[in-house]
Amino acid sequence: MASTKAARIGEEIWKTRVDKVNAELVTLTYGTVVAQLCKDYESDYMEVNKQLDKMGYNIGLRLIEDFLAKSNTGRCANFKETAETISKIGFKIFLNITPTITNWTSDNKQFSLVFDENPLADFVELPDDGQAQDELWYSNILCGILRGALEMVQMQVEAHFISDVLRGNDNTEMRVSLIRYIDDEMPPDDE
């Protein structure tokens, strides 16, 4: 799928087939979840990151069905096409943003998504406790969502943030790596 076609599809779906939710409500609700996790895990930000990833993974397992129903896209031919679909259709449908795809490796198995804007991080300041700036990946739920959604379409990926404007970096960048394509497996004793 060409990049411009993916962008056009994402824009059309956003305008015509998506129930809109107030962005501030989503932002504030997510912020409350993160704040509660920080409190529950007593500022153990590594554990908070794990929990956000786990929550995202479970969301991604279900969100892919909604994505496929709304986008009506077929199977991607390769990982580059998958990246285009994620950026220009997936993020557009669910967050009305289109991160930039960059930093491909020579084997086309890793890329970065650079976020010019991140609606989850609006109105957010990380705790000033000397740890959060170095340990908390505030939007880590997005990494889990990608892992879960792509696993449901037979791709095992690793996703993690490498920079975040909330930590004082110049941009917010997520790294996505293809680990392997998952073979369709029949359940044991199923014929």
C-alpha atoms as a PDB file:
ATOM      1  CA  MET A   1       0.000   0.000   0.000  1.00  0.00           C
ATOM      2  CA  ALA A   2       1.426   3.339  -0.988  1.00  0.00           C
ATOM      3  CA  SER A   3       2.086   5.876   1.725  1.00  0.00           C
ATOM      4  CA  THR A   4      -0.341   8.439   0.273  1.00  0.00           C
ATOM      5  CA  LYS A   5      -3.076   5.819  -0.082  1.00  0.00           C
ATOM      6  CA  ALA A   6      -2.643   4.810   3.569  1.00  0.00           C
ATOM      7  CA  ALA A   7      -2.819   8.453   4.632  1.00  0.00           C
ATOM      8  CA  ARG A   8      -5.978   8.972   2.552  1.00  0.00           C
ATOM      9  CA  ILE A   9      -7.616   5.861   4.046  1.00  0.00           C
ATOM     10  CA  GLY A  10      -6.729   6.955   7.585  1.00  0.00           C
ATOM     11  CA  GLU A  11      -8.136  10.442   7.017  1.00  0.00           C
ATOM     12  CA  GLU A  12     -11.360   9.126   5.463  1.00  0.00           C
ATOM     13  CA  ILE A  13     -11.964   6.660   8.300  1.00  0.00           C
ATOM     14  CA  TRP A  14     -11.284   9.358  10.917  1.00  0.00           C
ATOM     15  CA  LYS A  15     -13.817  11.692   9.284  1.00  0.00           C
ATOM     16  CA  THR A  16     -16.586   9.197   8.540  1.00  0.00           C
ATOM     17  CA  ARG A  17     -16.369   5.953  10.521  1.00  0.00           C
ATOM     18  CA  VAL A  18     -15.069   6.750  13.988  1.00  0.00           C
ATOM     19  CA  ASP A  19     -17.112   7.674  17.025  1.00  0.00           C
ATOM     20  CA  LYS A  20     -15.326  10.664  18.515  1.00  0.00           C
ATOM     21  CA  VAL A  21     -14.502  10.956  22.198  1.00  0.00           C
ATOM     22  CA  ASN A  22     -13.433  14.176  23.873  1.00  0.00           C
ATOM     23  CA  ALA A  23      -9.613  14.195  23.744  1.00  0.00           C
ATOM     24  CA  GLU A  24      -9.307  15.943  27.090  1.00  0.00           C
ATOM     25  CA  LEU A  25     -11.431  13.236  28.724  1.00  0.00           C
ATOM     26  CA  VAL A  26      -9.137  10.523  27.330  1.00  0.00           C
ATOM     27  CA  THR A  27      -6.026  12.447  28.367  1.00  0.00           C
ATOM     28  CA  LEU A  28      -7.231  13.086  31.899  1.00  0.00           C
ATOM     29  CA  THR A  29      -8.555   9.537  32.357  1.00  0.00           C
ATOM     30  CA  TYR A  30      -5.259   8.059  31.184  1.00  0.00           C
ATOM     31  CA  GLY A  31      -3.364  10.436  33.450  1.00  0.00           C
ATOM     32  CA  THR A  32      -5.437   9.248  36.387  1.00  0.00           C
ATOM     33  CA  VAL A  33      -4.611   5.616  35.550  1.00  0.00           C
ATOM     34  CA  VAL A  34      -0.877   6.369  35.390  1.00  0.00           C
ATOM     35  CA  ALA A  35      -1.009   8.380  38.631  1.00  0.00           C
ATOM     36  CA  GLN A  36      -2.818   5.525  40.393  1.00  0.00           C
ATOM     37  CA  LEU A  37      -0.256   3.001  39.142  1.00  0.00           C
ATOM     38  CA  CYS A  38       2.550   5.225  40.439  1.00  0.00           C
ATOM     39  CA  LYS A  39       0.815   5.320  43.811  1.00  0.00           C
ATOM     40  CA  ASP A  40       0.016   1.570  43.871  1.00  0.00           C
ATOM     41  CA  TYR A  41       3.588   0.618  43.003  1.00  0.00           C
ATOM     42  CA  GLU A  42       5.070   3.251  45.328  1.00  0.00           C
ATOM     43  CA  SER A  43       6.913   5.071  42.535  1.00  0.00           C
ATOM     44  CA  ASP A  44       8.564   1.881  41.235  1.00  0.00           C
ATOM     45  CA  TYR A  45       8.479   3.283  37.699  1.00  0.00           C
ATOM     46  CA  MET A  46       9.960   0.163  36.093  1.00  0.00           C
ATOM     47  CA  GLU A  47       6.970  -1.789  37.412  1.00  0.00           C
ATOM     48  CA  VAL A  48       4.597   0.986  36.291  1.00  0.00           C
ATOM     49  CA  ASN A  49       6.109   0.700  32.785  1.00  0.00           C
ATOM     50  CA  LYS A  50       5.504  -3.070  32.835  1.00  0.00           C
ATOM     51  CA  GLN A  51       1.912  -2.612  33.955  1.00  0.00           C
ATOM     52  CA  LEU A  52       1.218   0.018  31.271  1.00  0.00           C
ATOM     53  CA  ASP A  53       2.703  -2.302  28.643  1.00  0.00           C
ATOM     54  CA  LYS A  54       0.603  -5.215  29.935  1.00  0.00           C
ATOM     55  CA  MET A  55      -2.571  -3.099  29.892  1.00  0.00           C
ATOM     56  CA  GLY A  56      -1.762  -1.946  26.361  1.00  0.00           C
ATOM     57  CA  TYR A  57      -1.069  -5.498  25.210  1.00  0.00           C
ATOM     58  CA  ASN A  58      -4.507  -6.617  26.405  1.00  0.00           C
ATOM     59  CA  ILE A  59      -6.125  -3.610  24.717  1.00  0.00           C
ATOM     60  CA  GLY A  60      -4.230  -4.341  21.478  1.00  0.00           C
ATOM     61  CA  LEU A  61      -5.469  -7.939  21.424  1.00  0.00           C
ATOM     62  CA  ARG A  62      -9.011  -6.571  21.150  1.00  0.00           C
ATOM     63  CA  LEU A  63      -8.412  -3.293  19.341  1.00  0.00           C
ATOM     64  CA  ILE A  64      -7.130  -5.022  16.206  1.00  0.00           C
ATOM     65  CA  GLU A  65     -10.636  -6.347  15.492  1.00  0.00           C
ATOM     66  CA  ASP A  66     -12.048  -2.823  15.560  1.00  0.00           C
ATOM     67  CA  PHE A  67      -9.172  -1.603  13.391  1.00  0.00           C
ATOM     68  CA  LEU A  68      -9.689  -4.336  10.777  1.00  0.00           C
ATOM     69  CA  ALA A  69     -13.449  -3.766  10.698  1.00  0.00           C
ATOM     70  CA  LYS A  70     -13.099  -0.004  10.235  1.00  0.00           C
ATOM     71  CA  SER A  71     -10.138   0.065   7.884  1.00  0.00           C
ATOM     72  CA  ASN A  72     -11.097  -2.883   5.689  1.00  0.00           C
ATOM     73  CA  THR A  73      -7.407  -3.290   4.856  1.00  0.00           C
ATOM     74  CA  GLY A  74      -5.986  -6.609   3.781  1.00  0.00           C
ATOM     75  CA  ARG A  75      -2.832  -8.327   4.944  1.00  0.00           C
ATOM     76  CA  CYS A  76       0.283  -6.184   4.624  1.00  0.00           C
ATOM     77  CA  ALA A  77       2.829  -7.437   2.113  1.00  0.00           C
ATOM     78  CA  ASN A  78       5.848  -6.650   4.304  1.00  0.00           C
ATOM     79  CA  PHE A  79       6.950  -4.913   7.490  1.00  0.00           C
ATOM     80  CA  LYS A  80       7.359  -1.554   5.704  1.00  0.00           C
ATOM     81  CA  GLU A  81       3.726  -1.672   4.655  1.00  0.00           C
ATOM     82  CA  THR A  82       2.808  -2.636   8.222  1.00  0.00           C
ATOM     83  CA  ALA A  83       4.620   0.477   9.489  1.00  0.00           C
ATOM     84  CA  GLU A  84       2.729   2.677   7.015  1.00  0.00           C
ATOM     85  CA  THR A  85      -0.575   1.125   8.086  1.00  0.00           C
ATOM     86  CA  ILE A  86       0.200   1.610  11.782  1.00  0.00           C
ATOM     87  CA  SER A  87       1.259   5.226  11.364  1.00  0.00           C
ATOM     88  CA  LYS A  88      -1.166   6.537   8.779  1.00  0.00           C
ATOM     89  CA  ILE A  89      -4.261   4.476   9.501  1.00  0.00           C
ATOM     90  CA  GLY A  90      -4.042   2.981  13.011  1.00  0.00           C
ATOM     91  CA  PHE A  91      -2.833   6.038  14.899  1.00  0.00           C
ATOM     92  CA  LYS A  92      -5.072   8.262  12.772  1.00  0.00           C
ATOM     93  CA  ILE A  93      -8.204   6.218  13.559  1.00  0.00           C
ATOM     94  CA  PHE A  94      -7.664   5.962  17.296  1.00  0.00           C
ATOM     95  CA  LEU A  95      -5.720   9.100  18.275  1.00  0.00           C
ATOM     96  CA  ASN A  96      -6.049  11.392  15.224  1.00  0.00           C
ATOM     97  CA  ILE A  97      -2.269  11.650  14.898  1.00  0.00           C
ATOM     98  CA  THR A  98       0.182  10.449  12.254  1.00  0.00           C
ATOM     99  CA  PRO A  99       3.645   9.726  13.655  1.00  0.00           C
ATOM    100  CA  THR A 100       6.577   9.928  11.243  1.00  0.00           C
ATOM    101  CA  ILE A 101       8.214   6.648  10.236  1.00  0.00           C
ATOM    102  CA  THR A 102      12.005   6.896  10.241  1.00  0.00           C
ATOM    103  CA  ASN A 103      15.303   5.172  11.053  1.00  0.00           C
ATOM    104  CA  TRP A 104      14.753   1.909   9.180  1.00  0.00           C
ATOM    105  CA  THR A 105      17.478  -0.693   9.618  1.00  0.00           C
ATOM    106  CA  SER A 106      19.082  -2.126   6.482  1.00  0.00           C
ATOM    107  CA  ASP A 107      17.211  -5.439   6.924  1.00  0.00           C
ATOM    108  CA  ASN A 108      13.857  -3.568   7.182  1.00  0.00           C
ATOM    109  CA  LYS A 109      13.048  -5.197  10.523  1.00  0.00           C
ATOM    110  CA  GLN A 110      13.224  -2.113  12.752  1.00  0.00           C
ATOM    111  CA  PHE A 111      11.873   1.411  12.482  1.00  0.00           C
ATOM    112  CA  SER A 112      11.041   4.369  14.658  1.00  0.00           C
ATOM    113  CA  LEU A 113       7.786   6.245  15.057  1.00  0.00           C
ATOM    114  CA  VAL A 114       8.426   9.895  15.897  1.00  0.00           C
ATOM    115  CA  PHE A 115       5.469  11.660  17.481  1.00  0.00           C
ATOM    116  CA  ASP A 116       5.114  15.371  16.743  1.00  0.00           C
ATOM    117  CA  GLU A 117       2.196  15.313  19.123  1.00  0.00           C
ATOM    118  CA  ASN A 118       1.026  12.832  21.728  1.00  0.00           C
ATOM    119  CA  PRO A 119      -2.495  13.390  22.998  1.00  0.00           C
ATOM    120  CA  LEU A 120      -1.875  11.088  25.973  1.00  0.00           C
ATOM    121  CA  ALA A 121       0.803  13.467  27.239  1.00  0.00           C
ATOM    122  CA  ASP A 122      -1.157  16.738  26.991  1.00  0.00           C
ATOM    123  CA  PHE A 123      -1.302  18.632  30.302  1.00  0.00           C
ATOM    124  CA  VAL A 124       1.264  16.219  31.840  1.00  0.00           C
ATOM    125  CA  GLU A 125       4.247  16.879  34.045  1.00  0.00           C
ATOM    126  CA  LEU A 126       6.195  13.913  35.377  1.00  0.00           C
ATOM    127  CA  PRO A 127       6.678  13.707  39.149  1.00  0.00           C
ATOM    128  CA  ASP A 128       9.666  15.742  40.288  1.00  0.00           C
ATOM    129  CA  ASP A 129      11.138  13.027  42.491  1.00  0.00           C
ATOM    130  CA  GLY A 130      14.460  12.547  40.745  1.00  0.00           C
ATOM    131  CA  GLN A 131      13.397   9.155  39.356  1.00  0.00           C
ATOM    132  CA  ALA A 132      10.439   9.649  37.024  1.00  0.00           C
ATOM    133  CA  GLN A 133      12.456  11.681  34.506  1.00  0.00           C
ATOM    134  CA  ASP A 134      14.838   8.742  34.096  1.00  0.00           C
ATOM    135  CA  GLU A 135      12.575   5.728  34.565  1.00  0.00           C
ATOM    136  CA  LEU A 136       8.912   6.392  33.670  1.00  0.00           C
ATOM    137  CA  TRP A 137       7.759   5.995  30.066  1.00  0.00           C
ATOM    138  CA  TYR A 138       4.440   7.764  30.472  1.00  0.00           C
ATOM    139  CA  SER A 139       2.871   6.576  27.184  1.00  0.00           C
ATOM    140  CA  ASN A 140       4.141   2.998  27.471  1.00  0.00           C
ATOM    141  CA  ILE A 141       0.599   1.717  26.972  1.00  0.00           C
ATOM    142  CA  LEU A 142       1.073   2.463  23.253  1.00  0.00           C
ATOM    143  CA  CYS A 143       3.957  -0.034  23.048  1.00  0.00           C
ATOM    144  CA  GLY A 144       1.768  -2.732  24.534  1.00  0.00           C
ATOM    145  CA  ILE A 145      -1.095  -1.903  22.183  1.00  0.00           C
ATOM    146  CA  LEU A 146       1.182  -2.365  19.167  1.00  0.00           C
ATOM    147  CA  ARG A 147       2.551  -5.658  20.525  1.00  0.00           C
ATOM    148  CA  GLY A 148      -0.909  -7.062  21.194  1.00  0.00           C
ATOM    149  CA  ALA A 149      -2.476  -5.910  17.941  1.00  0.00           C
ATOM    150  CA  LEU A 150       0.389  -7.139  15.760  1.00  0.00           C
ATOM    151  CA  GLU A 151       0.512 -10.474  17.547  1.00  0.00           C
ATOM    152  CA  MET A 152      -3.098 -11.040  16.502  1.00  0.00           C
ATOM    153  CA  VAL A 153      -2.039 -10.632  12.853  1.00  0.00           C
ATOM    154  CA  GLN A 154       0.885 -13.053  13.206  1.00  0.00           C
ATOM    155  CA  MET A 155       3.742 -10.645  13.982  1.00  0.00           C
ATOM    156  CA  GLN A 156       5.772 -10.780  17.157  1.00  0.00           C
ATOM    157  CA  VAL A 157       7.286  -7.364  17.749  1.00  0.00           C
ATOM    158  CA  GLU A 158       9.169  -5.548  20.465  1.00  0.00           C
ATOM    159  CA  ALA A 159       8.243  -1.913  21.010  1.00  0.00           C
ATOM    160  CA  HIS A 160       9.765   0.589  23.410  1.00  0.00           C
ATOM    161  CA  PHE A 161      10.264   4.309  23.775  1.00  0.00           C
ATOM    162  CA  ILE A 162      13.755   5.680  23.346  1.00  0.00           C
ATOM    163  CA  SER A 163      12.918   9.341  23.949  1.00  0.00           C
ATOM    164  CA  ASP A 164      10.053  11.407  25.306  1.00  0.00           C
ATOM    165  CA  VAL A 165       9.489  15.154  25.447  1.00  0.00           C
ATOM    166  CA  LEU A 166       8.164  14.663  28.986  1.00  0.00           C
ATOM    167  CA  ARG A 167      11.676  13.571  29.942  1.00  0.00           C
ATOM    168  CA  GLY A 168      13.191  16.662  28.382  1.00  0.00           C
ATOM    169  CA  ASN A 169      14.105  15.069  25.029  1.00  0.00           C
ATOM    170  CA  ASP A 170      13.618  16.967  21.764  1.00  0.00           C
ATOM    171  CA  ASN A 171      11.009  14.482  20.528  1.00  0.00           C
ATOM    172  CA  THR A 172       9.023  11.403  21.472  1.00  0.00           C
ATOM    173  CA  GLU A 173      10.270   8.330  19.631  1.00  0.00           C
ATOM    174  CA  MET A 174       9.144   4.721  19.782  1.00  0.00           C
ATOM    175  CA  ARG A 175      11.307   1.938  18.365  1.00  0.00           C
ATOM    176  CA  VAL A 176       9.497  -1.057  16.830  1.00  0.00           C
ATOM    177  CA  SER A 177      11.360  -4.268  15.981  1.00  0.00           C
ATOM    178  CA  LEU A 178      10.046  -7.319  14.171  1.00  0.00           C
ATOM    179  CA  ILE A 179      11.078 -10.403  16.124  1.00  0.00           C
ATOM    180  CA  ARG A 180       9.416 -12.970  13.870  1.00  0.00           C
ATOM    181  CA  TYR A 181       6.341 -13.835  11.885  1.00  0.00           C
ATOM    182  CA  ILE A 182       4.158 -16.240  13.834  1.00  0.00           C
ATOM    183  CA  ASP A 183       3.121 -19.367  11.952  1.00  0.00           C
ATOM    184  CA  ASP A 184      -0.513 -20.359  12.023  1.00  0.00           C
ATOM    185  CA  GLU A 185      -0.551 -23.283  14.403  1.00  0.00           C
ATOM    186  CA  MET A 186      -3.305 -25.778  14.868  1.00  0.00           C
ATOM    187  CA  PRO A 187      -4.279 -26.390  18.482  1.00  0.00           C
ATOM    188  CA  PRO A 188      -3.096 -29.778  19.793  1.00  0.00           C
ATOM    189  CA  ASP A 189      -5.406 -32.678  18.882  1.00  0.00           C
ATOM    190  CA  ASP A 190      -7.357 -30.478  16.471  1.00  0.00           C
ATOM    191  CA  GLU A 191      -7.903 -31.897  13.032  1.00  0.00           C
END
